[in-house]
Amino acid sequence: MLSGQQSQPHHDHIGDVIAQLDHLVVGKNTQIKLSIATLLAQGHLLLEDLPGVGKTTLARALAATLGFTWNRVQFTSDLLPADITGLSIFDVARQEFRFHAGPVFTSLLLADEINRAPPKTQSALLEAMEESQVTIDGNSYTLEQPFFVVATQNPAEQLGVYPLPESQLDRFLCCIELGYPNVEAERVLLTGGDRRQMVDNTPAMATLDDVRNWQTQTSQVTTAAPVLDYTQALLQTTRQMASEGACANGLSPRAGLSLLAMSRAWAFIHGRNMVLPDDVQAVFTSVAAHRLTGSLKQGAPVTREILNLVDVA
């Protein structure tokens, strides 16, 4: 375990952001912190859970609290790629094609029930999530920064869903589930009024400049050699388990970079400018499970086993 006194990074009012989200999305502090960490690591978030547990509310609460503009796209079997990215339409008066931007041109895009759309439509988000741009008719259009995709996914056993391909899953830095609330949180939800109305009336606790500043500070969090050794040991173990048939895929080098980025963000949120092995462990399942098996639920037992197998130097 790394030890020693560490200087505290600047947080401005990120604690206020988390506190307000805790008020809006009751009893889900860990999931809220993972969501914020995903944004600070400049990644995208996949929420995998049953309908009705608060996935959309979390996305709306993030947008309202962070001061983001946001759009929602309901993914269905007849949704077309142009319905997400936009399209060029011929303007008769000007005798030219004019680009009409789709809902992807926003700060936070809620891709609701993303696995109800066919793979061709899902793939419309690949370039946007990886390059922060979309290309239409040979022209590239840059998206807003920060650009944050929050996608919800229904369990694979439900009817009418298309499993996300590995290339799409890999674009999501983090995958979490909210689960049912505990008794105390559920009582607050049952007696506290309409959560969505509360979100609509909530003030922004940050600006785009705040978020960009936090992202920059997060990227400057230090990762010492022992943490890199531990991270590499985790990666190697996933590949060994994949070769033995315990999971579908081992983690790639890009997944390793994602794990380190999330670990830096987790350290930053908790007031440190150096990553500890505890930070890697805290985010490992959310980064690795969906990449190992295609599903958080199926991959979580595998990640817990890996964490038990690999010793911290």
Protein backbone atom coordinates (compact mmCIF):
# COMPACT_ATOMS: atom_id res chain seq x y z
CA MET A 1 0.00 0.00 0.00
CA LEU A 2 1.28 3.44 -0.86
CA SER A 3 1.44 5.79 2.08
CA GLY A 4 2.68 9.21 3.02
CA GLN A 5 1.28 12.69 3.28
CA GLN A 6 -0.12 13.95 -0.03
CA SER A 7 -1.07 17.47 -0.95
CA GLN A 8 -4.73 18.03 -1.67
CA PRO A 9 -5.83 18.90 -5.21
CA HIS A 10 -8.16 21.86 -5.79
CA HIS A 11 -11.79 20.75 -5.71
CA ASP A 12 -13.57 24.09 -5.86
CA HIS A 13 -17.12 22.97 -5.14
CA ILE A 14 -17.19 19.43 -6.50
CA GLY A 15 -18.33 18.28 -3.05
CA ASP A 16 -21.42 20.46 -3.43
CA VAL A 17 -22.16 18.80 -6.78
CA ILE A 18 -22.03 15.34 -5.22
CA ALA A 19 -24.12 16.46 -2.23
CA GLN A 20 -26.87 17.79 -4.49
CA LEU A 21 -26.87 14.60 -6.55
CA ASP A 22 -27.15 12.60 -3.32
CA HIS A 23 -30.27 14.62 -2.52
CA LEU A 24 -31.81 13.97 -5.93
CA VAL A 25 -30.79 10.31 -6.36
CA VAL A 26 -31.23 8.93 -2.87
CA GLY A 27 -29.04 6.18 -1.44
CA LYS A 28 -26.71 5.84 -4.45
CA ASN A 29 -23.57 7.71 -3.34
CA THR A 30 -21.12 5.20 -4.82
CA GLN A 31 -22.89 5.17 -8.19
CA ILE A 32 -23.01 8.98 -8.20
CA LYS A 33 -19.26 9.18 -7.55
CA LEU A 34 -18.57 6.64 -10.28
CA SER A 35 -20.69 8.70 -12.68
CA ILE A 36 -18.81 11.89 -11.85
CA ALA A 37 -15.49 10.05 -12.08
CA THR A 38 -16.42 8.82 -15.56
CA LEU A 39 -17.04 12.40 -16.68
CA LEU A 40 -13.82 13.68 -15.10
CA ALA A 41 -11.89 10.88 -16.82
CA GLN A 42 -13.44 12.09 -20.11
CA GLY A 43 -15.31 8.84 -20.69
CA HIS A 44 -18.89 7.74 -21.19
CA LEU A 45 -21.29 5.94 -18.86
CA LEU A 46 -23.45 2.85 -19.36
CA LEU A 47 -26.26 2.18 -16.88
CA GLU A 48 -27.33 -1.45 -16.94
CA ASP A 49 -30.42 -2.23 -14.90
CA LEU A 50 -34.14 -2.93 -14.80
CA PRO A 51 -36.62 -0.24 -15.84
CA GLY A 52 -37.85 2.00 -13.04
CA VAL A 53 -34.85 2.09 -10.71
CA GLY A 54 -33.78 5.66 -11.53
CA LYS A 55 -31.42 5.45 -14.51
CA THR A 56 -33.05 8.33 -16.39
CA THR A 57 -33.39 10.36 -13.21
CA LEU A 58 -29.65 10.03 -12.58
CA ALA A 59 -28.86 11.25 -16.11
CA ARG A 60 -31.21 14.22 -15.78
CA ALA A 61 -29.83 15.05 -12.34
CA LEU A 62 -26.27 15.02 -13.68
CA ALA A 63 -27.19 17.43 -16.48
CA ALA A 64 -29.09 19.80 -14.19
CA THR A 65 -26.49 19.85 -11.43
CA LEU A 66 -23.52 20.29 -13.78
CA GLY A 67 -25.22 23.00 -15.83
CA PHE A 68 -25.15 20.91 -19.03
CA THR A 69 -27.43 21.21 -21.99
CA TRP A 70 -28.81 17.78 -22.69
CA ASN A 71 -30.88 15.80 -25.18
CA ARG A 72 -32.62 12.47 -24.88
CA VAL A 73 -32.91 9.90 -27.66
CA GLN A 74 -35.26 6.98 -27.12
CA PHE A 75 -33.63 4.07 -28.93
CA THR A 76 -36.12 1.86 -30.77
CA SER A 77 -35.95 -0.77 -33.48
CA ASP A 78 -36.85 1.76 -36.20
CA LEU A 79 -34.42 4.49 -35.12
CA LEU A 80 -32.03 5.56 -37.89
CA PRO A 81 -28.44 6.83 -37.54
CA ALA A 82 -29.50 10.20 -38.97
CA ASP A 83 -32.01 10.52 -36.14
CA ILE A 84 -28.99 10.79 -33.82
CA THR A 85 -26.31 12.59 -35.80
CA GLY A 86 -28.41 14.77 -38.11
CA LEU A 87 -28.51 14.95 -41.90
CA SER A 88 -28.04 17.24 -44.87
CA ILE A 89 -31.22 18.49 -46.55
CA PHE A 90 -31.33 20.28 -49.89
CA ASP A 91 -32.35 23.91 -49.52
CA VAL A 92 -34.26 24.80 -52.68
CA ALA A 93 -34.02 28.55 -52.07
CA ARG A 94 -30.25 28.48 -51.68
CA GLN A 95 -29.70 25.60 -54.11
CA GLU A 96 -27.40 23.85 -51.66
CA PHE A 97 -27.40 21.15 -49.02
CA ARG A 98 -27.62 22.41 -45.44
CA PHE A 99 -26.70 20.34 -42.40
CA HIS A 100 -29.35 19.98 -39.72
CA ALA A 101 -27.71 18.93 -36.46
CA GLY A 102 -29.13 15.95 -34.59
CA PRO A 103 -29.55 15.54 -30.82
CA VAL A 104 -25.93 14.37 -30.47
CA PHE A 105 -24.92 18.04 -30.58
CA THR A 106 -25.22 18.70 -26.85
CA SER A 107 -23.17 18.41 -23.67
CA LEU A 108 -24.96 15.36 -22.25
CA LEU A 109 -26.71 12.86 -24.50
CA LEU A 110 -29.06 10.40 -22.81
CA ALA A 111 -29.20 7.34 -25.06
CA ASP A 112 -32.19 5.65 -23.46
CA GLU A 113 -32.50 1.86 -23.86
CA ILE A 114 -29.59 1.83 -26.30
CA ASN A 115 -29.78 -1.93 -26.82
CA ARG A 116 -33.31 -1.72 -28.26
CA ALA A 117 -31.88 -0.25 -31.48
CA PRO A 118 -30.17 -2.44 -34.10
CA PRO A 119 -26.35 -2.45 -34.36
CA LYS A 120 -26.30 -0.09 -37.37
CA THR A 121 -27.99 2.61 -35.32
CA GLN A 122 -25.88 1.91 -32.25
CA SER A 123 -22.77 2.40 -34.39
CA ALA A 124 -23.81 5.97 -35.16
CA LEU A 125 -22.46 6.89 -31.74
CA LEU A 126 -19.04 5.25 -32.17
CA GLU A 127 -17.29 8.18 -33.85
CA ALA A 128 -19.00 10.70 -31.58
CA MET A 129 -17.89 8.88 -28.43
CA GLU A 130 -14.34 8.24 -29.58
CA GLU A 131 -13.49 11.36 -31.56
CA SER A 132 -16.04 13.93 -30.26
CA GLN A 133 -17.16 14.57 -33.82
CA VAL A 134 -19.54 13.20 -36.42
CA THR A 135 -18.96 12.91 -40.16
CA ILE A 136 -21.88 13.49 -42.53
CA ASP A 137 -21.46 13.37 -46.32
CA GLY A 138 -17.71 13.71 -45.97
CA ASN A 139 -17.89 16.75 -43.66
CA SER A 140 -16.78 16.53 -40.03
CA TYR A 141 -18.62 18.44 -37.32
CA THR A 142 -17.07 18.91 -33.88
CA LEU A 143 -19.19 18.24 -30.81
CA GLU A 144 -19.37 20.36 -27.68
CA GLN A 145 -16.77 19.90 -24.96
CA PRO A 146 -17.27 18.31 -22.58
CA PHE A 147 -19.37 15.74 -24.42
CA PHE A 148 -20.81 13.03 -22.17
CA VAL A 149 -22.93 10.07 -23.27
CA VAL A 150 -25.07 8.42 -20.60
CA ALA A 151 -26.67 5.30 -22.07
CA THR A 152 -29.16 3.02 -20.37
CA GLN A 153 -29.33 -0.65 -21.18
CA ASN A 154 -32.03 -3.15 -20.32
CA PRO A 155 -31.00 -6.64 -19.16
CA ALA A 156 -30.18 -8.99 -22.03
CA GLU A 157 -32.88 -11.45 -21.00
CA GLN A 158 -35.65 -8.94 -21.79
CA LEU A 159 -37.45 -9.17 -25.12
CA GLY A 160 -36.53 -6.96 -28.06
CA VAL A 161 -32.94 -6.13 -27.17
CA TYR A 162 -29.77 -6.31 -29.28
CA PRO A 163 -26.55 -7.09 -27.39
CA LEU A 164 -24.02 -4.29 -27.71
CA PRO A 165 -20.98 -5.42 -29.74
CA GLU A 166 -17.52 -5.36 -28.14
CA SER A 167 -16.54 -2.23 -30.08
CA GLN A 168 -19.52 -0.36 -28.64
CA LEU A 169 -19.05 -1.67 -25.09
CA ASP A 170 -15.41 -0.58 -25.17
CA ARG A 171 -16.50 3.03 -25.82
CA PHE A 172 -18.12 3.08 -22.38
CA LEU A 173 -15.46 3.80 -19.80
CA CYS A 174 -17.70 2.74 -16.94
CA CYS A 175 -20.73 0.48 -16.51
CA ILE A 176 -22.79 0.55 -13.32
CA GLU A 177 -26.14 -0.58 -12.01
CA LEU A 178 -28.33 1.29 -9.54
CA GLY A 179 -30.26 -1.65 -8.10
CA TYR A 180 -33.24 -1.44 -5.79
CA PRO A 181 -33.07 1.22 -3.04
CA ASN A 182 -32.59 0.22 0.57
CA VAL A 183 -35.53 0.59 2.95
CA GLU A 184 -34.62 4.07 4.17
CA ALA A 185 -33.98 5.42 0.67
CA GLU A 186 -37.18 3.91 -0.66
CA ARG A 187 -39.19 5.56 2.11
CA VAL A 188 -37.69 8.92 1.11
CA LEU A 189 -38.62 8.26 -2.52
CA LEU A 190 -42.19 7.25 -1.61
CA THR A 191 -42.83 10.30 0.57
CA GLY A 192 -40.63 12.94 -1.04
CA GLY A 193 -42.60 13.90 -4.13
CA ASP A 194 -41.83 13.65 -7.84
CA ARG A 195 -38.06 13.28 -8.33
CA ARG A 196 -38.16 14.53 -11.92
CA GLN A 197 -39.94 17.69 -10.85
CA MET A 198 -37.27 18.17 -8.20
CA VAL A 199 -34.60 17.77 -10.90
CA ASP A 200 -36.32 20.30 -13.16
CA ASN A 201 -36.33 22.84 -10.32
CA THR A 202 -32.79 22.21 -9.10
CA PRO A 203 -30.11 24.89 -9.60
CA ALA A 204 -26.86 24.24 -11.43
CA MET A 205 -23.94 23.77 -9.03
CA ALA A 206 -21.21 23.97 -11.68
CA THR A 207 -20.40 25.36 -15.11
CA LEU A 208 -18.79 23.89 -18.20
CA ASP A 209 -15.58 25.70 -17.23
CA ASP A 210 -15.67 24.03 -13.81
CA VAL A 211 -15.97 20.62 -15.42
CA ARG A 212 -13.18 21.30 -17.89
CA ASN A 213 -11.00 22.49 -15.02
CA TRP A 214 -11.75 19.33 -13.01
CA GLN A 215 -10.94 17.18 -16.03
CA THR A 216 -7.58 18.91 -16.40
CA GLN A 217 -6.78 18.45 -12.71
CA THR A 218 -7.81 14.81 -12.89
CA SER A 219 -5.40 14.15 -15.75
CA GLN A 220 -2.57 15.52 -13.58
CA VAL A 221 -3.12 13.07 -10.70
CA THR A 222 0.07 11.03 -10.25
CA THR A 223 0.27 7.28 -10.83
CA ALA A 224 3.38 5.79 -9.18
CA ALA A 225 5.24 2.69 -10.38
CA PRO A 226 3.77 0.31 -7.74
CA VAL A 227 0.25 1.23 -8.90
CA LEU A 228 1.25 0.62 -12.51
CA ASP A 229 2.66 -2.78 -11.48
CA TYR A 230 -0.62 -3.63 -9.75
CA THR A 231 -2.65 -2.48 -12.76
CA GLN A 232 -0.56 -4.61 -15.13
CA ALA A 233 -0.97 -7.62 -12.86
CA LEU A 234 -4.75 -7.18 -13.03
CA LEU A 235 -4.64 -6.94 -16.82
CA GLN A 236 -2.50 -10.05 -17.13
CA THR A 237 -4.82 -11.99 -14.84
CA THR A 238 -7.86 -11.13 -16.97
CA ARG A 239 -6.06 -12.46 -20.05
CA GLN A 240 -5.07 -15.64 -18.26
CA MET A 241 -8.67 -16.18 -17.13
CA ALA A 242 -9.91 -15.57 -20.68
CA SER A 243 -7.51 -18.22 -21.99
CA GLU A 244 -8.95 -20.63 -19.43
CA GLY A 245 -12.52 -19.85 -20.49
CA ALA A 246 -13.53 -18.01 -17.32
CA CYS A 247 -14.50 -14.91 -19.33
CA ALA A 248 -14.96 -14.00 -22.97
CA ASN A 249 -12.11 -11.51 -23.32
CA GLY A 250 -9.07 -10.30 -21.45
CA LEU A 251 -8.59 -6.58 -20.96
CA SER A 252 -6.80 -4.72 -23.76
CA PRO A 253 -4.14 -2.03 -23.29
CA ARG A 254 -6.85 0.56 -24.00
CA ALA A 255 -8.90 -0.92 -21.18
CA GLY A 256 -5.82 -0.56 -18.98
CA LEU A 257 -5.63 3.13 -19.86
CA SER A 258 -9.32 3.44 -19.03
CA LEU A 259 -8.74 1.79 -15.65
CA LEU A 260 -5.94 4.24 -14.84
CA ALA A 261 -8.04 7.22 -15.97
CA MET A 262 -10.93 6.16 -13.72
CA SER A 263 -8.53 5.53 -10.83
CA ARG A 264 -7.13 9.07 -11.18
CA ALA A 265 -10.66 10.49 -11.19
CA TRP A 266 -11.62 8.45 -8.11
CA ALA A 267 -8.51 9.71 -6.30
CA PHE A 268 -9.29 13.30 -7.30
CA ILE A 269 -12.88 13.09 -6.05
CA HIS A 270 -11.56 11.87 -2.70
CA GLY A 271 -9.08 14.70 -2.37
CA ARG A 272 -5.79 13.09 -3.40
CA ASN A 273 -3.30 13.93 -6.11
CA MET A 274 -1.85 10.40 -6.16
CA VAL A 275 -3.55 7.13 -7.09
CA LEU A 276 -3.59 4.39 -4.46
CA PRO A 277 -4.26 0.69 -5.10
CA ASP A 278 -7.52 1.25 -3.20
CA ASP A 279 -8.62 3.60 -6.00
CA VAL A 280 -7.90 0.95 -8.64
CA GLN A 281 -9.87 -1.61 -6.66
CA ALA A 282 -12.79 0.78 -6.17
CA VAL A 283 -13.32 1.30 -9.91
CA PHE A 284 -12.10 -2.04 -11.29
CA THR A 285 -15.47 -3.76 -11.58
CA SER A 286 -17.17 -0.76 -13.22
CA VAL A 287 -14.40 -0.52 -15.82
CA ALA A 288 -13.70 -4.21 -16.42
CA ALA A 289 -16.86 -6.29 -15.95
CA HIS A 290 -18.70 -5.29 -19.14
CA ARG A 291 -15.51 -5.66 -21.17
CA LEU A 292 -14.80 -9.15 -19.85
CA THR A 293 -18.23 -10.70 -20.41
CA GLY A 294 -20.41 -8.13 -22.19
CA SER A 295 -22.50 -7.57 -19.08
CA LEU A 296 -21.92 -6.01 -15.68
CA LYS A 297 -24.01 -8.65 -13.95
CA GLN A 298 -22.10 -11.54 -15.52
CA GLY A 299 -18.71 -9.88 -15.21
CA ALA A 300 -18.88 -8.70 -11.60
CA PRO A 301 -18.18 -12.15 -10.06
CA VAL A 302 -15.17 -12.49 -12.37
CA THR A 303 -13.74 -9.12 -11.36
CA ARG A 304 -14.18 -9.93 -7.67
CA GLU A 305 -12.25 -13.16 -8.20
CA ILE A 306 -9.48 -11.30 -10.01
CA LEU A 307 -9.16 -8.77 -7.20
CA ASN A 308 -8.84 -11.64 -4.73
CA LEU A 309 -6.20 -13.37 -6.84
CA VAL A 310 -3.90 -10.38 -7.39
CA ASP A 311 -1.90 -9.20 -4.39
CA VAL A 312 -1.18 -5.54 -3.81
CA ALA A 313 2.60 -5.04 -3.85
